[in-house]
């Protein structure tokens, strides 16, 4: 799985029935974005 910065900053699509894996991924990406923003 390879992600670039553009994909990290894209708004995730909201699904009617989000599953646990997607929620974990979303929270992880949110933490990564926070770290990136703090470093700049």
C-alpha atoms as a PDB file:
ATOM      1  CA  UNK A   1       0.000   0.000   0.000  1.00  0.00           C
ATOM      2  CA  UNK A   2       1.587   3.259  -1.102  1.00  0.00           C
ATOM      3  CA  UNK A   3       0.134   6.666  -0.368  1.00  0.00           C
ATOM      4  CA  UNK A   4       1.256  10.058  -1.562  1.00  0.00           C
ATOM      5  CA  UNK A   5       0.538  13.348   0.183  1.00  0.00           C
ATOM      6  CA  UNK A   6      -2.296  14.187  -2.197  1.00  0.00           C
ATOM      7  CA  UNK A   7      -4.178  11.034  -1.275  1.00  0.00           C
ATOM      8  CA  UNK A   8      -3.598  11.716   2.428  1.00  0.00           C
ATOM      9  CA  UNK A   9      -5.154  15.158   2.185  1.00  0.00           C
ATOM     10  CA  UNK A  10      -8.131  14.106   0.082  1.00  0.00           C
ATOM     11  CA  UNK A  11     -11.403  14.090   1.959  1.00  0.00           C
ATOM     12  CA  UNK A  12     -12.459  10.488   2.610  1.00  0.00           C
ATOM     13  CA  UNK A  13     -15.844   9.481   1.269  1.00  0.00           C
ATOM     14  CA  UNK A  14     -18.481   9.107   3.948  1.00  0.00           C
ATOM     15  CA  UNK A  15     -20.226   5.760   3.753  1.00  0.00           C
ATOM     16  CA  UNK A  16     -23.549   4.902   5.326  1.00  0.00           C
ATOM     17  CA  UNK A  17     -22.117   1.863   7.089  1.00  0.00           C
ATOM     18  CA  UNK A  18     -18.441   2.438   7.859  1.00  0.00           C
ATOM     19  CA  UNK A  19     -16.629  -0.639   9.075  1.00  0.00           C
ATOM     20  CA  UNK A  20     -14.088  -0.824  11.881  1.00  0.00           C
ATOM     21  CA  UNK A  21     -11.077  -1.190   9.585  1.00  0.00           C
ATOM     22  CA  UNK A  22     -11.978   1.960   7.662  1.00  0.00           C
ATOM     23  CA  UNK A  23     -12.514   3.854  10.916  1.00  0.00           C
ATOM     24  CA  UNK A  24      -9.060   2.799  12.155  1.00  0.00           C
ATOM     25  CA  UNK A  25      -7.474   3.809   8.846  1.00  0.00           C
ATOM     26  CA  UNK A  26      -9.249   7.178   8.946  1.00  0.00           C
ATOM     27  CA  UNK A  27      -8.053   7.858  12.496  1.00  0.00           C
ATOM     28  CA  UNK A  28      -4.515   6.810  11.575  1.00  0.00           C
ATOM     29  CA  UNK A  29      -4.480   9.129   8.555  1.00  0.00           C
ATOM     30  CA  UNK A  30      -5.828  11.936  10.744  1.00  0.00           C
ATOM     31  CA  UNK A  31      -2.935  11.429  13.164  1.00  0.00           C
ATOM     32  CA  UNK A  32      -0.439  11.395  10.287  1.00  0.00           C
ATOM     33  CA  UNK A  33      -1.899  14.624   8.887  1.00  0.00           C
ATOM     34  CA  UNK A  34      -1.622  16.233  12.335  1.00  0.00           C
ATOM     35  CA  UNK A  35       2.043  15.213  12.589  1.00  0.00           C
ATOM     36  CA  UNK A  36       2.775  16.520   9.089  1.00  0.00           C
ATOM     37  CA  UNK A  37       1.116  19.850   9.850  1.00  0.00           C
ATOM     38  CA  UNK A  38       3.019  20.200  13.140  1.00  0.00           C
ATOM     39  CA  UNK A  39       6.321  19.631  11.325  1.00  0.00           C
ATOM     40  CA  UNK A  40       5.589  22.574   9.034  1.00  0.00           C
END
